[in-house]
N, C-alpha and C. Protein backbone atom coordinates (compact mmCIF):
# COMPACT_ATOMS: atom_id res chain seq x y z
N MET A 1 77.49 -118.46 -101.79
CA MET A 1 77.97 -117.90 -100.45
C MET A 1 79.11 -117.86 -100.45
N HIS A 2 79.61 -116.46 -100.27
CA HIS A 2 81.39 -116.34 -100.28
C HIS A 2 81.47 -116.66 -98.53
N ILE A 3 82.62 -117.26 -98.32
CA ILE A 3 83.06 -117.78 -96.95
C ILE A 3 84.29 -117.09 -96.56
N ASP A 4 84.22 -116.30 -95.49
CA ASP A 4 85.81 -115.73 -95.38
C ASP A 4 86.60 -116.71 -94.55
N LYS A 5 85.85 -117.56 -93.68
CA LYS A 5 86.79 -118.17 -92.62
C LYS A 5 86.20 -119.72 -92.60
N PHE A 6 86.71 -120.80 -92.59
CA PHE A 6 86.33 -121.98 -92.18
C PHE A 6 86.85 -122.85 -91.00
N PHE A 7 86.07 -123.34 -90.23
CA PHE A 7 86.58 -123.76 -88.75
C PHE A 7 85.99 -125.34 -88.77
N ALA A 8 86.46 -126.43 -88.22
CA ALA A 8 86.19 -127.48 -87.56
C ALA A 8 85.70 -127.18 -85.88
N ALA A 9 84.69 -127.61 -85.52
CA ALA A 9 84.66 -127.24 -83.96
C ALA A 9 83.91 -128.77 -83.26
N THR A 10 84.16 -128.80 -82.20
CA THR A 10 83.51 -129.75 -81.01
C THR A 10 82.85 -129.04 -80.01
N ARG A 11 81.74 -129.65 -79.81
CA ARG A 11 80.70 -129.26 -78.57
C ARG A 11 80.45 -130.35 -78.06
N ALA A 12 79.55 -129.94 -76.94
CA ALA A 12 79.24 -131.23 -75.82
C ALA A 12 77.76 -130.83 -75.42
N ILE A 13 77.01 -131.72 -74.94
CA ILE A 13 76.20 -131.99 -74.16
C ILE A 13 76.42 -132.32 -72.99
N ILE A 14 76.86 -131.39 -72.13
CA ILE A 14 77.24 -132.24 -70.42
C ILE A 14 76.19 -132.38 -69.52
N THR A 15 76.33 -133.59 -69.26
CA THR A 15 75.12 -133.96 -68.55
C THR A 15 75.47 -134.22 -66.89
N TYR A 16 75.04 -134.20 -65.74
CA TYR A 16 75.27 -134.40 -64.42
C TYR A 16 73.62 -134.41 -63.79
N GLN A 17 73.59 -135.76 -63.37
CA GLN A 17 72.31 -136.15 -62.56
C GLN A 17 71.08 -135.73 -63.30
N ASP A 18 71.28 -136.34 -64.79
CA ASP A 18 70.24 -135.92 -65.67
C ASP A 18 69.96 -134.59 -66.05
N LYS A 19 70.64 -133.79 -65.79
CA LYS A 19 70.53 -132.40 -66.41
C LYS A 19 71.49 -131.89 -67.18
N ILE A 20 71.44 -130.88 -68.09
CA ILE A 20 72.19 -130.48 -69.21
C ILE A 20 72.96 -129.10 -68.95
N LEU A 21 73.97 -128.86 -69.30
CA LEU A 21 74.60 -127.55 -68.77
C LEU A 21 74.49 -126.69 -70.23
N ILE A 22 73.91 -125.46 -70.11
CA ILE A 22 73.75 -124.31 -71.00
C ILE A 22 74.45 -123.30 -70.86
N LEU A 23 75.14 -122.63 -71.33
CA LEU A 23 75.95 -121.41 -71.17
C LEU A 23 75.43 -120.19 -71.89
N GLN A 24 75.53 -119.02 -71.45
CA GLN A 24 75.62 -117.65 -71.79
C GLN A 24 76.62 -116.76 -72.11
N GLU A 25 76.92 -116.47 -73.41
CA GLU A 25 78.23 -115.81 -73.65
C GLU A 25 78.08 -114.44 -72.89
N SER A 26 79.20 -113.71 -72.59
CA SER A 26 79.40 -112.49 -72.06
C SER A 26 79.33 -111.79 -73.29
N SER A 27 78.71 -110.53 -73.07
CA SER A 27 78.54 -109.48 -74.12
C SER A 27 80.06 -108.84 -74.41
N LYS A 28 81.00 -109.20 -73.73
CA LYS A 28 82.26 -108.74 -73.89
C LYS A 28 83.02 -109.74 -74.78
N TYR A 29 82.42 -110.94 -75.13
CA TYR A 29 83.48 -112.07 -76.03
C TYR A 29 83.80 -111.46 -77.05
N GLU A 30 84.84 -111.56 -77.38
CA GLU A 30 85.40 -111.00 -78.71
C GLU A 30 84.87 -111.47 -80.09
N ASP A 31 84.98 -112.70 -80.01
CA ASP A 31 84.51 -113.24 -81.15
C ASP A 31 82.95 -113.92 -81.25
N LYS A 32 82.10 -112.67 -80.55
CA LYS A 32 80.75 -113.03 -80.27
C LYS A 32 79.98 -112.85 -81.81
N ALA A 33 79.13 -114.02 -82.10
CA ALA A 33 78.40 -113.81 -83.46
C ALA A 33 77.23 -112.46 -83.28
N VAL A 34 76.87 -112.11 -84.47
CA VAL A 34 75.83 -110.83 -84.36
C VAL A 34 74.47 -111.73 -83.88
N TRP A 35 74.36 -112.87 -84.30
CA TRP A 35 73.03 -113.24 -83.82
C TRP A 35 72.84 -113.81 -82.38
N ASN A 36 74.01 -113.78 -81.70
CA ASN A 36 74.03 -114.44 -80.37
C ASN A 36 73.44 -113.74 -78.90
N ASP A 37 73.14 -112.53 -79.28
CA ASP A 37 72.68 -112.00 -78.30
C ASP A 37 71.94 -112.63 -77.19
N TRP A 38 72.38 -112.59 -75.92
CA TRP A 38 71.77 -113.36 -74.79
C TRP A 38 71.23 -114.51 -75.03
N LYS A 39 71.17 -115.27 -76.06
CA LYS A 39 70.77 -116.56 -76.54
C LYS A 39 71.87 -117.80 -75.85
N ARG A 40 71.17 -118.66 -75.25
CA ARG A 40 72.10 -119.90 -74.43
C ARG A 40 72.54 -120.78 -75.70
N ASP A 41 73.53 -121.39 -74.96
CA ASP A 41 74.37 -122.03 -76.11
C ASP A 41 75.05 -123.61 -75.30
N LEU A 42 75.87 -124.31 -75.99
CA LEU A 42 76.43 -125.45 -75.72
C LEU A 42 77.90 -125.25 -75.41
N VAL A 43 78.33 -125.96 -74.55
CA VAL A 43 79.91 -125.81 -74.35
C VAL A 43 80.80 -126.42 -75.47
N GLY A 44 82.00 -125.74 -75.93
CA GLY A 44 82.60 -126.14 -77.06
C GLY A 44 83.38 -124.86 -77.82
N GLY A 45 83.96 -125.46 -78.72
CA GLY A 45 84.72 -124.49 -79.41
C GLY A 45 85.55 -124.92 -80.83
N ARG A 46 86.06 -124.08 -81.43
CA ARG A 46 87.17 -124.48 -82.73
C ARG A 46 87.93 -125.17 -82.29
N ILE A 47 88.48 -126.28 -83.33
CA ILE A 47 89.43 -126.98 -83.15
C ILE A 47 90.88 -126.12 -83.46
N THR A 48 91.69 -126.26 -82.25
CA THR A 48 93.04 -125.77 -82.82
C THR A 48 93.72 -126.59 -83.59
N PRO A 49 94.32 -125.80 -84.68
CA PRO A 49 95.21 -127.16 -86.03
C PRO A 49 96.26 -127.57 -85.14
N GLY A 50 96.57 -128.96 -85.07
CA GLY A 50 97.59 -129.47 -84.66
C GLY A 50 97.15 -130.39 -83.58
N THR A 51 95.88 -130.18 -82.94
CA THR A 51 95.38 -130.95 -81.69
C THR A 51 93.96 -131.83 -82.32
N THR A 52 94.06 -132.95 -81.50
CA THR A 52 92.94 -134.03 -81.95
C THR A 52 91.86 -133.69 -81.26
N TRP A 53 90.54 -134.06 -81.80
CA TRP A 53 89.15 -133.59 -81.53
C TRP A 53 89.29 -133.63 -80.01
N GLN A 54 89.79 -134.90 -79.16
CA GLN A 54 89.60 -135.19 -77.92
C GLN A 54 90.17 -133.95 -77.27
N GLU A 55 91.45 -133.86 -77.42
CA GLU A 55 92.20 -132.90 -76.76
C GLU A 55 91.56 -131.52 -77.08
N ASN A 56 90.87 -131.15 -77.91
CA ASN A 56 90.19 -129.65 -78.18
C ASN A 56 89.00 -129.68 -77.57
N LEU A 57 88.35 -130.90 -77.25
CA LEU A 57 87.07 -131.18 -76.74
C LEU A 57 87.32 -130.67 -75.21
N LEU A 58 87.96 -131.55 -74.53
CA LEU A 58 88.37 -131.16 -73.33
C LEU A 58 89.04 -130.18 -72.95
N ARG A 59 89.63 -129.42 -73.69
CA ARG A 59 90.47 -128.31 -73.45
C ARG A 59 89.25 -127.04 -73.40
N GLU A 60 88.56 -127.25 -74.45
CA GLU A 60 87.11 -126.07 -74.40
C GLU A 60 86.39 -126.24 -73.16
N ILE A 61 86.27 -127.53 -72.78
CA ILE A 61 85.30 -127.79 -71.74
C ILE A 61 85.86 -127.23 -70.24
N ASN A 62 87.30 -127.43 -70.15
CA ASN A 62 88.34 -126.82 -69.08
C ASN A 62 88.01 -125.44 -69.36
N GLU A 63 88.50 -124.72 -70.37
CA GLU A 63 88.53 -123.37 -70.16
C GLU A 63 86.94 -122.58 -69.94
N GLU A 64 86.11 -123.15 -70.31
CA GLU A 64 84.76 -122.52 -70.27
C GLU A 64 84.03 -122.87 -69.23
N THR A 65 84.58 -124.11 -68.39
CA THR A 65 83.59 -124.72 -67.21
C THR A 65 84.50 -124.98 -66.18
N TRP A 66 85.51 -125.47 -66.43
CA TRP A 66 86.56 -126.21 -65.34
C TRP A 66 86.01 -127.67 -65.11
N LEU A 67 85.03 -128.11 -65.70
CA LEU A 67 84.46 -129.46 -65.57
C LEU A 67 85.32 -130.43 -65.57
N GLU A 68 85.50 -131.53 -65.02
CA GLU A 68 86.15 -132.73 -65.63
C GLU A 68 85.23 -133.60 -66.10
N VAL A 69 85.43 -134.23 -67.36
CA VAL A 69 84.13 -135.00 -67.83
C VAL A 69 84.76 -136.34 -68.28
N THR A 70 83.97 -137.27 -68.93
CA THR A 70 84.36 -138.18 -69.53
C THR A 70 83.43 -137.96 -70.84
N ILE A 71 84.15 -138.27 -71.85
CA ILE A 71 83.57 -138.09 -73.37
C ILE A 71 82.91 -139.29 -73.89
N TRP A 72 81.60 -139.60 -73.98
CA TRP A 72 81.03 -140.61 -74.53
C TRP A 72 80.88 -140.81 -75.90
N GLN A 73 80.15 -140.39 -76.76
CA GLN A 73 80.15 -140.39 -78.06
C GLN A 73 79.68 -139.43 -78.88
N PRO A 74 80.12 -139.25 -80.03
CA PRO A 74 79.30 -138.23 -81.03
C PRO A 74 78.14 -138.63 -81.21
N PHE A 75 77.03 -137.77 -81.31
CA PHE A 75 75.68 -137.99 -81.70
C PHE A 75 75.03 -137.01 -82.90
N TYR A 76 75.73 -136.18 -83.12
CA TYR A 76 75.02 -134.95 -83.90
C TYR A 76 76.20 -134.28 -84.62
N VAL A 77 76.02 -134.07 -85.87
CA VAL A 77 76.80 -133.07 -86.59
C VAL A 77 76.10 -132.18 -87.49
N HIS A 78 76.45 -130.80 -87.63
CA HIS A 78 75.96 -129.90 -88.56
C HIS A 78 76.80 -128.93 -88.93
N ASP A 79 76.40 -128.00 -89.77
CA ASP A 79 77.31 -126.64 -90.56
C ASP A 79 76.53 -125.60 -89.84
N ALA A 80 77.27 -124.31 -89.37
CA ALA A 80 76.62 -123.21 -88.88
C ALA A 80 77.46 -122.19 -89.92
N PHE A 81 76.58 -120.82 -90.12
CA PHE A 81 77.10 -120.02 -90.90
C PHE A 81 77.07 -118.60 -90.15
N PRO A 82 77.61 -118.60 -89.05
CA PRO A 82 77.62 -117.22 -88.71
C PRO A 82 78.09 -115.90 -89.07
N VAL A 83 77.81 -114.91 -88.79
CA VAL A 83 78.60 -113.77 -89.48
C VAL A 83 79.39 -113.06 -88.10
N VAL A 84 80.60 -113.18 -88.04
CA VAL A 84 81.47 -112.55 -86.92
C VAL A 84 82.29 -111.51 -87.23
N LYS A 85 82.34 -110.35 -86.76
CA LYS A 85 82.92 -109.24 -87.01
C LYS A 85 83.14 -109.19 -88.69
N GLY A 86 81.72 -109.02 -89.04
CA GLY A 86 81.77 -108.65 -90.51
C GLY A 86 81.94 -109.88 -91.38
N GLN A 87 82.20 -110.72 -90.92
CA GLN A 87 82.96 -111.85 -91.76
C GLN A 87 81.80 -113.10 -91.66
N GLN A 88 81.84 -113.67 -93.05
CA GLN A 88 80.93 -114.95 -93.19
C GLN A 88 81.88 -116.16 -92.78
N TRP A 89 81.59 -116.77 -91.61
CA TRP A 89 82.08 -118.02 -91.32
C TRP A 89 81.19 -119.32 -91.62
N HIS A 90 82.24 -120.46 -91.72
CA HIS A 90 81.46 -121.75 -92.12
C HIS A 90 82.16 -122.66 -90.82
N ILE A 91 81.21 -123.11 -90.05
CA ILE A 91 81.77 -124.03 -88.84
C ILE A 91 81.14 -125.42 -88.92
N PHE A 92 81.95 -126.34 -89.46
CA PHE A 92 81.49 -127.75 -89.16
C PHE A 92 81.67 -128.34 -87.84
N ILE A 93 80.73 -128.66 -86.95
CA ILE A 93 80.60 -129.01 -85.49
C ILE A 93 79.83 -130.54 -85.30
N THR A 94 80.84 -131.07 -84.71
CA THR A 94 80.48 -132.27 -83.94
C THR A 94 80.31 -132.24 -82.69
N TYR A 95 79.02 -132.81 -82.17
CA TYR A 95 78.67 -132.71 -81.08
C TYR A 95 78.59 -134.17 -80.11
N PHE A 96 79.01 -134.18 -79.02
CA PHE A 96 79.43 -135.35 -78.17
C PHE A 96 78.77 -135.13 -77.02
N HIS A 97 78.32 -136.26 -76.21
CA HIS A 97 77.88 -136.52 -75.08
C HIS A 97 79.03 -136.61 -74.19
N CYS A 98 78.92 -135.88 -73.17
CA CYS A 98 79.95 -136.17 -71.95
C CYS A 98 79.16 -135.88 -70.80
N LYS A 99 79.65 -136.89 -69.85
CA LYS A 99 79.01 -137.11 -68.44
C LYS A 99 80.30 -136.00 -67.46
N ALA A 100 79.80 -135.33 -66.63
CA ALA A 100 80.48 -134.30 -65.55
C ALA A 100 80.75 -135.31 -64.36
N ALA A 101 81.96 -135.06 -63.74
CA ALA A 101 82.10 -135.68 -62.49
C ALA A 101 81.41 -135.01 -61.26
N SER A 102 81.16 -133.52 -61.57
CA SER A 102 80.75 -132.95 -60.61
C SER A 102 79.64 -131.86 -61.32
N ASP A 103 78.96 -131.06 -60.24
CA ASP A 103 78.52 -130.03 -60.89
C ASP A 103 78.95 -128.55 -60.39
N SER A 104 80.48 -128.50 -60.08
CA SER A 104 81.17 -127.41 -60.02
C SER A 104 81.37 -126.60 -60.90
N VAL A 105 80.83 -125.69 -61.60
CA VAL A 105 81.04 -124.93 -62.82
C VAL A 105 81.64 -123.56 -62.32
N ILE A 106 82.72 -123.69 -62.85
CA ILE A 106 83.72 -122.17 -62.82
C ILE A 106 83.56 -121.65 -64.20
N LEU A 107 83.01 -120.65 -64.53
CA LEU A 107 82.84 -119.96 -66.09
C LEU A 107 83.98 -119.02 -66.09
N SER A 108 84.48 -119.55 -67.69
CA SER A 108 85.56 -118.24 -68.04
C SER A 108 85.10 -116.76 -68.12
N LYS A 109 85.88 -115.88 -68.64
CA LYS A 109 85.27 -114.53 -68.74
C LYS A 109 84.76 -114.45 -70.00
N ASP A 110 84.76 -115.28 -70.97
CA ASP A 110 83.80 -115.34 -72.09
C ASP A 110 82.45 -115.65 -72.13
N HIS A 111 82.13 -116.19 -70.78
CA HIS A 111 80.57 -116.59 -70.39
C HIS A 111 80.37 -115.68 -68.83
N GLN A 112 79.06 -115.39 -69.22
CA GLN A 112 78.54 -114.91 -67.92
C GLN A 112 77.30 -115.48 -67.26
N ASP A 113 77.07 -116.52 -67.76
CA ASP A 113 75.78 -117.52 -66.88
C ASP A 113 75.71 -118.78 -67.47
N TYR A 114 75.44 -119.44 -66.64
CA TYR A 114 75.03 -121.08 -66.69
C TYR A 114 73.90 -121.60 -66.07
N LYS A 115 73.16 -122.49 -66.82
CA LYS A 115 72.14 -123.15 -65.99
C LYS A 115 72.33 -124.47 -66.33
N ARG A 116 71.94 -125.42 -65.44
CA ARG A 116 71.74 -126.91 -65.45
C ARG A 116 70.26 -127.06 -65.65
N ILE A 117 69.79 -127.75 -66.61
CA ILE A 117 68.30 -127.72 -67.07
C ILE A 117 67.87 -129.25 -67.23
N GLU A 118 66.66 -129.46 -67.08
CA GLU A 118 66.17 -130.83 -67.54
C GLU A 118 66.25 -130.45 -69.11
N ALA A 119 66.77 -131.49 -69.62
CA ALA A 119 66.62 -131.83 -71.21
C ALA A 119 65.25 -131.39 -71.80
N ARG A 120 64.56 -131.94 -71.18
CA ARG A 120 63.11 -131.93 -71.87
C ARG A 120 62.30 -130.68 -71.81
N SER A 121 62.95 -129.52 -71.06
CA SER A 121 62.39 -128.28 -70.78
C SER A 121 63.04 -127.60 -71.68
N TYR A 122 64.11 -127.65 -72.56
CA TYR A 122 64.99 -126.97 -73.25
C TYR A 122 63.97 -125.61 -74.17
N THR A 123 63.00 -126.20 -74.61
CA THR A 123 62.21 -125.12 -75.17
C THR A 123 61.75 -123.85 -74.32
N ASP A 124 61.93 -123.86 -72.98
CA ASP A 124 61.53 -122.89 -72.20
C ASP A 124 62.90 -121.93 -71.94
N TYR A 125 63.79 -122.09 -72.67
CA TYR A 125 65.02 -121.19 -72.67
C TYR A 125 65.31 -120.44 -73.98
N THR A 126 65.63 -119.22 -74.14
CA THR A 126 66.13 -118.79 -75.24
C THR A 126 67.64 -119.20 -75.76
N MET A 127 67.39 -120.07 -76.58
CA MET A 127 68.61 -120.66 -77.45
C MET A 127 68.84 -120.29 -78.63
N LEU A 128 69.87 -120.44 -79.05
CA LEU A 128 70.36 -120.43 -80.64
C LEU A 128 69.38 -121.42 -81.21
N SER A 129 69.20 -121.40 -82.35
CA SER A 129 68.51 -122.56 -83.14
C SER A 129 69.24 -123.99 -83.24
N TRP A 130 70.40 -123.83 -83.41
CA TRP A 130 71.11 -125.14 -83.53
C TRP A 130 71.30 -126.03 -82.17
N PRO A 131 71.39 -125.31 -81.10
CA PRO A 131 71.61 -126.10 -79.64
C PRO A 131 70.58 -126.70 -79.43
N LYS A 132 69.10 -125.81 -79.89
CA LYS A 132 67.79 -126.58 -80.05
C LYS A 132 67.57 -127.86 -80.70
N GLN A 133 68.40 -127.92 -81.96
CA GLN A 133 68.15 -129.10 -82.74
C GLN A 133 69.15 -130.15 -81.97
N VAL A 134 70.00 -129.94 -81.37
CA VAL A 134 70.94 -130.79 -80.75
C VAL A 134 70.32 -131.34 -79.88
N VAL A 135 69.72 -130.68 -78.78
CA VAL A 135 69.10 -131.19 -77.79
C VAL A 135 67.97 -131.84 -78.02
N ALA A 136 67.35 -131.54 -78.98
CA ALA A 136 66.27 -132.54 -79.80
C ALA A 136 66.67 -133.96 -79.98
N ALA A 137 67.94 -133.79 -80.81
CA ALA A 137 68.65 -134.96 -81.52
C ALA A 137 68.94 -135.76 -80.18
N TYR A 138 69.65 -135.34 -79.28
CA TYR A 138 70.03 -135.99 -77.88
C TYR A 138 68.86 -136.67 -77.26
N LEU A 139 67.84 -135.96 -76.97
CA LEU A 139 66.36 -136.53 -76.31
C LEU A 139 66.07 -137.82 -77.18
N GLN A 140 65.92 -137.51 -78.62
CA GLN A 140 65.64 -138.81 -79.51
C GLN A 140 66.43 -139.91 -79.28
N LYS A 141 67.62 -139.58 -79.01
CA LYS A 141 68.91 -140.82 -78.82
C LYS A 141 68.41 -141.47 -77.73
N GLN A 142 68.29 -140.61 -76.37
CA GLN A 142 67.73 -141.09 -75.16
C GLN A 142 66.49 -142.08 -75.25
N ASP A 143 65.47 -141.53 -76.03
CA ASP A 143 64.09 -142.36 -76.12
C ASP A 143 64.33 -143.57 -76.88
N VAL A 144 65.35 -143.72 -77.71
CA VAL A 144 65.86 -145.00 -78.44
C VAL A 144 66.22 -145.86 -77.63
N LYS A 145 67.42 -145.35 -76.66
CA LYS A 145 67.96 -146.30 -75.79
C LYS A 145 66.92 -146.94 -75.00
N MET A 146 66.03 -146.18 -74.52
CA MET A 146 65.20 -146.36 -73.52
C MET A 146 64.25 -147.60 -73.98
N ASN A 147 63.60 -147.63 -75.20
CA ASN A 147 62.99 -148.52 -76.02
C ASN A 147 63.53 -149.73 -76.13
N GLU A 148 64.79 -149.97 -76.31
CA GLU A 148 65.47 -150.94 -76.82
C GLU A 148 65.41 -152.31 -76.10
């Protein structure tokens, strides 16, 4: 496979009162992937060279939602291969569990909607395939904690 661009990214499952936050990109978002029409996703984005993963994750969360969060721990990694503007991208993504200090979400211009959902109901929403895998991994980790 020919790769035009490679990025590392950080993304988050953000919880508040046992619900997770999912976003919907705006149709006007300039780096919208061709397969992302109207599907829900998680908060986060590409790492800016010269920044730490923590700085990047907090910046992305602030830009997209204006939420203040506490970063807990990474719990999932994977590779994504979207086609963006006719180019094949490879994105290596690390997912973190973050806890929000409030539920006061203010969306960026790159997003048009958000929902706070019960994590176990994630299959009821039209989401990209990898956020579904991430939520499933998050739930599995929560189940393990409860059974310890």
